[in-house]
Amino acid sequence: MVVAPAIVMPWPEAPAMGFQEVRAAIDLGYAGLPFNWVTMPDQFTLAAFDREAQGTAPFLAEIALISSHAPWTPVPQLVPWEAVGDGSVFDAQATSGPSPKDVWSDPDRIRDHYGRALDYALRTVLSWATLPRAEPPLVIVLGDHQPAEFVAQAGGKDVPVHLIGPPETLALFEGWGWAARLSPDPAQASWPMRDFRDRFLTATSEAVGAPRADGS
């Protein structure tokens, strides 16, 4: 399954990309106002996913979170999870704050709003991942790409990746060099996505006793 709140037009490429089910913006039931380009805040997207996944067998889902996408205004604020409802609770937030024109007229203000939007995205994921559940999920939080150089000067194409899950699940990935914090260890070598994919699939497949690619 892919949960894609930024998809607002037909997406015929989805099956070719391996997605068996697509939940685009119109499918998620958001009745609130958009946050400029952002169709709905990340908190609603995650709450909608929980409703979609309720009662289903374990499966893999890709969830696109878009509150950290430009123009980074207005920046959402977390509400109690039980208050999310149909998303109309966010209407006052969606009409608050400076306009994109005001933010983007000042480079320092752009950077400030980007930082606050990213902070919101991470706080939302962490809050959602720690909600009480009978079976806690394994969550991979992966950055999409680095922002433009006038926003953050790091450069390059590397992005952080985080694993969140119960201790017995995280034990599958010991020895990978993870740092127990949000900021990656600067001395840690980066991996191409294909390497992370293959190593992740090997670790999780062996955990459930599935045969390895070499037949063993």
C-alpha atoms as a PDB file:
ATOM      1  CA  MET A   1       0.000   0.000   0.000  1.00  0.00           C
ATOM      2  CA  VAL A   2       1.084   3.571  -0.621  1.00  0.00           C
ATOM      3  CA  VAL A   3      -0.503   6.499   1.222  1.00  0.00           C
ATOM      4  CA  ALA A   4       0.078   9.550  -0.946  1.00  0.00           C
ATOM      5  CA  PRO A   5      -1.607  12.753   0.252  1.00  0.00           C
ATOM      6  CA  ALA A   6       0.177  14.810  -2.421  1.00  0.00           C
ATOM      7  CA  ILE A   7      -1.360  12.809  -5.284  1.00  0.00           C
ATOM      8  CA  VAL A   8      -4.370  14.793  -6.520  1.00  0.00           C
ATOM      9  CA  MET A   9      -4.457  13.600 -10.138  1.00  0.00           C
ATOM     10  CA  PRO A  10      -4.664  10.146 -11.770  1.00  0.00           C
ATOM     11  CA  TRP A  11      -1.502   8.110 -11.120  1.00  0.00           C
ATOM     12  CA  PRO A  12      -1.376   5.299 -13.693  1.00  0.00           C
ATOM     13  CA  GLU A  13       2.313   4.647 -12.940  1.00  0.00           C
ATOM     14  CA  ALA A  14       1.557   3.284  -9.455  1.00  0.00           C
ATOM     15  CA  PRO A  15       1.110  -0.402 -10.458  1.00  0.00           C
ATOM     16  CA  ALA A  16       4.336  -0.319 -12.474  1.00  0.00           C
ATOM     17  CA  MET A  17       6.091   0.871  -9.308  1.00  0.00           C
ATOM     18  CA  GLY A  18       4.828  -2.186  -7.437  1.00  0.00           C
ATOM     19  CA  PHE A  19       2.017  -0.598  -5.434  1.00  0.00           C
ATOM     20  CA  GLN A  20      -0.976  -2.907  -5.086  1.00  0.00           C
ATOM     21  CA  GLU A  21      -3.146  -0.351  -3.285  1.00  0.00           C
ATOM     22  CA  VAL A  22      -3.069   3.445  -3.523  1.00  0.00           C
ATOM     23  CA  ARG A  23      -4.601   5.865  -1.064  1.00  0.00           C
ATOM     24  CA  ALA A  24      -4.344   9.259  -2.736  1.00  0.00           C
ATOM     25  CA  ALA A  25      -5.488  12.573  -1.245  1.00  0.00           C
ATOM     26  CA  ILE A  26      -9.119  12.065  -2.186  1.00  0.00           C
ATOM     27  CA  ASP A  27      -9.190   8.625  -0.564  1.00  0.00           C
ATOM     28  CA  LEU A  28      -8.040   9.741   2.890  1.00  0.00           C
ATOM     29  CA  GLY A  29     -11.208  11.593   3.903  1.00  0.00           C
ATOM     30  CA  TYR A  30      -9.646  14.917   4.789  1.00  0.00           C
ATOM     31  CA  ALA A  31     -12.377  17.538   5.262  1.00  0.00           C
ATOM     32  CA  GLY A  32     -10.120  20.331   6.485  1.00  0.00           C
ATOM     33  CA  LEU A  33      -8.496  23.206   4.633  1.00  0.00           C
ATOM     34  CA  PRO A  34      -5.157  22.747   2.828  1.00  0.00           C
ATOM     35  CA  PHE A  35      -1.941  24.236   4.181  1.00  0.00           C
ATOM     36  CA  ASN A  36      -1.160  26.020   0.903  1.00  0.00           C
ATOM     37  CA  TRP A  37       0.504  23.351  -1.333  1.00  0.00           C
ATOM     38  CA  VAL A  38       0.274  20.758   1.461  1.00  0.00           C
ATOM     39  CA  THR A  39      -3.098  19.057   1.071  1.00  0.00           C
ATOM     40  CA  MET A  40      -3.306  17.901   4.690  1.00  0.00           C
ATOM     41  CA  PRO A  41      -1.041  17.883   7.766  1.00  0.00           C
ATOM     42  CA  ASP A  42       1.072  14.824   8.487  1.00  0.00           C
ATOM     43  CA  GLN A  43      -0.872  14.043  11.647  1.00  0.00           C
ATOM     44  CA  PHE A  44      -4.051  13.531   9.647  1.00  0.00           C
ATOM     45  CA  THR A  45      -2.239  11.379   7.071  1.00  0.00           C
ATOM     46  CA  LEU A  46      -0.984   9.041   9.796  1.00  0.00           C
ATOM     47  CA  ALA A  47      -4.367   8.920  11.516  1.00  0.00           C
ATOM     48  CA  ALA A  48      -5.998   8.070   8.180  1.00  0.00           C
ATOM     49  CA  PHE A  49      -3.485   5.283   7.636  1.00  0.00           C
ATOM     50  CA  ASP A  50      -4.356   3.817  11.032  1.00  0.00           C
ATOM     51  CA  ARG A  51      -8.006   3.708  10.000  1.00  0.00           C
ATOM     52  CA  GLU A  52      -7.132   2.039   6.682  1.00  0.00           C
ATOM     53  CA  ALA A  53      -4.880  -0.545   8.331  1.00  0.00           C
ATOM     54  CA  GLN A  54      -7.194  -1.430  11.195  1.00  0.00           C
ATOM     55  CA  GLY A  55      -7.878  -5.144  11.424  1.00  0.00           C
ATOM     56  CA  THR A  56      -5.627  -6.125   8.523  1.00  0.00           C
ATOM     57  CA  ALA A  57      -2.812  -8.674   8.534  1.00  0.00           C
ATOM     58  CA  PRO A  58       0.771  -7.328   8.796  1.00  0.00           C
ATOM     59  CA  PHE A  59       1.863  -5.593   5.601  1.00  0.00           C
ATOM     60  CA  LEU A  60       4.322  -3.082   4.220  1.00  0.00           C
ATOM     61  CA  ALA A  61       3.158   0.460   3.531  1.00  0.00           C
ATOM     62  CA  GLU A  62       4.865   3.541   2.159  1.00  0.00           C
ATOM     63  CA  ILE A  63       3.473   6.722   3.686  1.00  0.00           C
ATOM     64  CA  ALA A  64       4.462  10.042   2.126  1.00  0.00           C
ATOM     65  CA  LEU A  65       4.523  12.868   4.665  1.00  0.00           C
ATOM     66  CA  ILE A  66       4.399  16.309   3.088  1.00  0.00           C
ATOM     67  CA  SER A  67       4.173  18.917   5.874  1.00  0.00           C
ATOM     68  CA  SER A  68       7.920  19.498   5.510  1.00  0.00           C
ATOM     69  CA  HIS A  69       7.437  20.461   1.836  1.00  0.00           C
ATOM     70  CA  ALA A  70       7.697  24.093   0.757  1.00  0.00           C
ATOM     71  CA  PRO A  71       6.316  26.697   1.238  1.00  0.00           C
ATOM     72  CA  TRP A  72       6.580  25.739   4.957  1.00  0.00           C
ATOM     73  CA  THR A  73       3.738  28.013   5.983  1.00  0.00           C
ATOM     74  CA  PRO A  74       1.595  27.725   7.928  1.00  0.00           C
ATOM     75  CA  VAL A  75       3.432  25.218  10.105  1.00  0.00           C
ATOM     76  CA  PRO A  76       0.952  22.752  11.654  1.00  0.00           C
ATOM     77  CA  GLN A  77       0.762  22.015  15.350  1.00  0.00           C
ATOM     78  CA  LEU A  78      -0.010  18.644  16.922  1.00  0.00           C
ATOM     79  CA  VAL A  79      -3.472  18.131  18.358  1.00  0.00           C
ATOM     80  CA  PRO A  80      -4.561  15.227  20.592  1.00  0.00           C
ATOM     81  CA  TRP A  81      -4.805  12.143  18.385  1.00  0.00           C
ATOM     82  CA  GLU A  82      -8.367  11.502  19.472  1.00  0.00           C
ATOM     83  CA  ALA A  83      -9.305  14.993  18.221  1.00  0.00           C
ATOM     84  CA  VAL A  84      -8.068  14.532  14.631  1.00  0.00           C
ATOM     85  CA  GLY A  85     -11.441  13.341  13.301  1.00  0.00           C
ATOM     86  CA  ASP A  86     -12.141  14.402   9.715  1.00  0.00           C
ATOM     87  CA  GLY A  87      -9.395  17.028   9.805  1.00  0.00           C
ATOM     88  CA  SER A  88     -11.612  20.090  10.217  1.00  0.00           C
ATOM     89  CA  VAL A  89      -9.924  20.621  13.594  1.00  0.00           C
ATOM     90  CA  PHE A  90      -6.945  21.943  11.610  1.00  0.00           C
ATOM     91  CA  ASP A  91      -8.876  24.714   9.827  1.00  0.00           C
ATOM     92  CA  ALA A  92      -7.800  27.479  12.206  1.00  0.00           C
ATOM     93  CA  GLN A  93      -4.164  26.432  11.766  1.00  0.00           C
ATOM     94  CA  ALA A  94      -4.483  26.316   7.982  1.00  0.00           C
ATOM     95  CA  THR A  95      -5.556  29.964   7.843  1.00  0.00           C
ATOM     96  CA  SER A  96      -2.964  31.267  10.321  1.00  0.00           C
ATOM     97  CA  GLY A  97       0.601  32.437   9.953  1.00  0.00           C
ATOM     98  CA  PRO A  98       2.336  34.480   7.254  1.00  0.00           C
ATOM     99  CA  SER A  99       1.689  34.000   3.555  1.00  0.00           C
ATOM    100  CA  PRO A 100       4.213  32.189   1.331  1.00  0.00           C
ATOM    101  CA  LYS A 101       5.054  35.557  -0.244  1.00  0.00           C
ATOM    102  CA  ASP A 102       5.928  37.016   3.159  1.00  0.00           C
ATOM    103  CA  VAL A 103       8.054  34.013   4.156  1.00  0.00           C
ATOM    104  CA  TRP A 104       9.867  33.739   0.843  1.00  0.00           C
ATOM    105  CA  SER A 105      10.809  37.413   0.756  1.00  0.00           C
ATOM    106  CA  ASP A 106      13.375  36.847   3.516  1.00  0.00           C
ATOM    107  CA  PRO A 107      16.029  34.050   3.322  1.00  0.00           C
ATOM    108  CA  ASP A 108      16.358  33.885   7.114  1.00  0.00           C
ATOM    109  CA  ARG A 109      12.616  33.508   7.459  1.00  0.00           C
ATOM    110  CA  ILE A 110      12.616  30.725   4.863  1.00  0.00           C
ATOM    111  CA  ARG A 111      15.214  28.800   6.884  1.00  0.00           C
ATOM    112  CA  ASP A 112      13.314  29.365  10.116  1.00  0.00           C
ATOM    113  CA  HIS A 113      10.059  28.044   8.664  1.00  0.00           C
ATOM    114  CA  TYR A 114      11.810  25.081   7.084  1.00  0.00           C
ATOM    115  CA  GLY A 115      13.312  24.171  10.455  1.00  0.00           C
ATOM    116  CA  ARG A 116       9.955  24.467  12.203  1.00  0.00           C
ATOM    117  CA  ALA A 117       8.186  22.415   9.528  1.00  0.00           C
ATOM    118  CA  LEU A 118      10.818  19.679   9.803  1.00  0.00           C
ATOM    119  CA  ASP A 119      10.526  19.758  13.597  1.00  0.00           C
ATOM    120  CA  TYR A 120       6.764  19.282  13.286  1.00  0.00           C
ATOM    121  CA  ALA A 121       7.192  16.346  10.893  1.00  0.00           C
ATOM    122  CA  LEU A 122       9.592  14.537  13.225  1.00  0.00           C
ATOM    123  CA  ARG A 123       7.541  15.226  16.346  1.00  0.00           C
ATOM    124  CA  THR A 124       4.452  13.911  14.578  1.00  0.00           C
ATOM    125  CA  VAL A 125       6.114  10.685  13.468  1.00  0.00           C
ATOM    126  CA  LEU A 126       7.593  10.075  16.921  1.00  0.00           C
ATOM    127  CA  SER A 127       4.262  10.746  18.601  1.00  0.00           C
ATOM    128  CA  TRP A 128       2.435   8.429  16.187  1.00  0.00           C
ATOM    129  CA  ALA A 129       5.016   5.657  16.445  1.00  0.00           C
ATOM    130  CA  THR A 130       4.659   5.549  20.230  1.00  0.00           C
ATOM    131  CA  LEU A 131       0.856   5.363  20.330  1.00  0.00           C
ATOM    132  CA  PRO A 132      -0.310   2.305  22.311  1.00  0.00           C
ATOM    133  CA  ARG A 133      -0.918  -0.682  20.031  1.00  0.00           C
ATOM    134  CA  ALA A 134      -1.278  -4.420  20.501  1.00  0.00           C
ATOM    135  CA  GLU A 135       1.588  -4.913  18.032  1.00  0.00           C
ATOM    136  CA  PRO A 136       3.955  -1.935  17.730  1.00  0.00           C
ATOM    137  CA  PRO A 137       5.020  -1.329  14.123  1.00  0.00           C
ATOM    138  CA  LEU A 138       8.507  -1.153  12.717  1.00  0.00           C
ATOM    139  CA  VAL A 139       8.817   2.321  11.257  1.00  0.00           C
ATOM    140  CA  ILE A 140      11.472   3.420   8.765  1.00  0.00           C
ATOM    141  CA  VAL A 141      11.695   7.197   8.604  1.00  0.00           C
ATOM    142  CA  LEU A 142      13.582   8.148   5.458  1.00  0.00           C
ATOM    143  CA  GLY A 143      14.341  11.613   4.157  1.00  0.00           C
ATOM    144  CA  ASP A 144      13.244  12.365   0.604  1.00  0.00           C
ATOM    145  CA  HIS A 145      16.056  14.692  -0.420  1.00  0.00           C
ATOM    146  CA  GLN A 146      18.086  17.562   0.954  1.00  0.00           C
ATOM    147  CA  PRO A 147      16.592  21.048   0.693  1.00  0.00           C
ATOM    148  CA  ALA A 148      17.922  23.622  -1.713  1.00  0.00           C
ATOM    149  CA  GLU A 149      21.349  25.020  -0.845  1.00  0.00           C
ATOM    150  CA  PHE A 150      19.984  28.449   0.061  1.00  0.00           C
ATOM    151  CA  VAL A 151      17.936  26.741   2.800  1.00  0.00           C
ATOM    152  CA  ALA A 152      20.532  24.310   4.188  1.00  0.00           C
ATOM    153  CA  GLN A 153      24.158  24.377   3.132  1.00  0.00           C
ATOM    154  CA  ALA A 154      25.083  20.708   3.666  1.00  0.00           C
ATOM    155  CA  GLY A 155      24.886  19.822  -0.024  1.00  0.00           C
ATOM    156  CA  GLY A 156      25.036  16.370  -1.544  1.00  0.00           C
ATOM    157  CA  LYS A 157      22.338  13.745  -1.850  1.00  0.00           C
ATOM    158  CA  ASP A 158      22.608  11.905   1.473  1.00  0.00           C
ATOM    159  CA  VAL A 159      19.543  11.856   3.730  1.00  0.00           C
ATOM    160  CA  PRO A 160      19.051  10.484   7.252  1.00  0.00           C
ATOM    161  CA  VAL A 161      17.192   7.259   7.974  1.00  0.00           C
ATOM    162  CA  HIS A 162      15.735   6.263  11.334  1.00  0.00           C
ATOM    163  CA  LEU A 163      14.377   2.974  12.659  1.00  0.00           C
ATOM    164  CA  ILE A 164      11.668   3.057  15.330  1.00  0.00           C
ATOM    165  CA  GLY A 165      10.224  -0.104  16.816  1.00  0.00           C
ATOM    166  CA  PRO A 166      10.095  -2.459  19.788  1.00  0.00           C
ATOM    167  CA  PRO A 167      13.466  -3.669  21.124  1.00  0.00           C
ATOM    168  CA  GLU A 168      13.043  -7.234  19.899  1.00  0.00           C
ATOM    169  CA  THR A 169      12.485  -5.961  16.350  1.00  0.00           C
ATOM    170  CA  LEU A 170      15.308  -3.433  16.413  1.00  0.00           C
ATOM    171  CA  ALA A 171      17.614  -6.268  17.511  1.00  0.00           C
ATOM    172  CA  LEU A 172      17.399  -7.575  13.925  1.00  0.00           C
ATOM    173  CA  PHE A 173      19.480  -4.590  12.851  1.00  0.00           C
ATOM    174  CA  GLU A 174      22.211  -4.585  15.471  1.00  0.00           C
ATOM    175  CA  GLY A 175      25.692  -4.074  14.160  1.00  0.00           C
ATOM    176  CA  TRP A 176      24.622  -1.658  11.431  1.00  0.00           C
ATOM    177  CA  GLY A 177      26.188   1.330  13.167  1.00  0.00           C
ATOM    178  CA  TRP A 178      22.975   3.064  14.231  1.00  0.00           C
ATOM    179  CA  ALA A 179      23.239   6.088  16.510  1.00  0.00           C
ATOM    180  CA  ALA A 180      20.682   6.331  19.335  1.00  0.00           C
ATOM    181  CA  ARG A 181      19.652   9.866  18.427  1.00  0.00           C
ATOM    182  CA  LEU A 182      17.993  11.842  15.655  1.00  0.00           C
ATOM    183  CA  SER A 183      21.242  13.226  14.246  1.00  0.00           C
ATOM    184  CA  PRO A 184      23.319  10.691  12.276  1.00  0.00           C
ATOM    185  CA  ASP A 185      26.900  10.002  13.263  1.00  0.00           C
ATOM    186  CA  PRO A 186      28.946  12.177  10.877  1.00  0.00           C
ATOM    187  CA  ALA A 187      31.628   9.489  10.776  1.00  0.00           C
ATOM    188  CA  GLN A 188      29.167   6.852   9.557  1.00  0.00           C
ATOM    189  CA  ALA A 189      29.572   6.041   5.868  1.00  0.00           C
ATOM    190  CA  SER A 190      26.454   6.526   3.760  1.00  0.00           C
ATOM    191  CA  TRP A 191      24.832   3.639   1.886  1.00  0.00           C
ATOM    192  CA  PRO A 192      23.153   3.618  -1.491  1.00  0.00           C
ATOM    193  CA  MET A 193      19.434   2.908  -1.199  1.00  0.00           C
ATOM    194  CA  ARG A 194      19.846  -0.466  -2.898  1.00  0.00           C
ATOM    195  CA  ASP A 195      22.258  -1.587  -0.181  1.00  0.00           C
ATOM    196  CA  PHE A 196      19.895  -0.583   2.602  1.00  0.00           C
ATOM    197  CA  ARG A 197      17.011  -2.310   0.796  1.00  0.00           C
ATOM    198  CA  ASP A 198      18.850  -5.588   0.329  1.00  0.00           C
ATOM    199  CA  ARG A 199      20.245  -5.697   3.853  1.00  0.00           C
ATOM    200  CA  PHE A 200      16.856  -4.784   5.343  1.00  0.00           C
ATOM    201  CA  LEU A 201      15.053  -7.489   3.375  1.00  0.00           C
ATOM    202  CA  THR A 202      17.652 -10.072   4.368  1.00  0.00           C
ATOM    203  CA  ALA A 203      17.344  -9.209   8.067  1.00  0.00           C
ATOM    204  CA  THR A 204      13.553  -9.271   8.117  1.00  0.00           C
ATOM    205  CA  SER A 205      13.225 -12.356   5.914  1.00  0.00           C
ATOM    206  CA  GLU A 206      15.583 -14.404   8.070  1.00  0.00           C
ATOM    207  CA  ALA A 207      13.627 -13.289  11.133  1.00  0.00           C
ATOM    208  CA  VAL A 208      10.471 -15.026   9.884  1.00  0.00           C
ATOM    209  CA  GLY A 209      12.289 -18.055   8.542  1.00  0.00           C
ATOM    210  CA  ALA A 210      11.860 -17.232   4.878  1.00  0.00           C
ATOM    211  CA  PRO A 211      14.346 -18.735   2.443  1.00  0.00           C
ATOM    212  CA  ARG A 212      17.218 -16.491   1.447  1.00  0.00           C
ATOM    213  CA  ALA A 213      17.890 -15.459  -2.111  1.00  0.00           C
ATOM    214  CA  ASP A 214      20.670 -18.049  -2.352  1.00  0.00           C
ATOM    215  CA  GLY A 215      18.188 -20.815  -1.491  1.00  0.00           C
ATOM    216  CA  SER A 216      19.575 -21.573   1.980  1.00  0.00           C
END
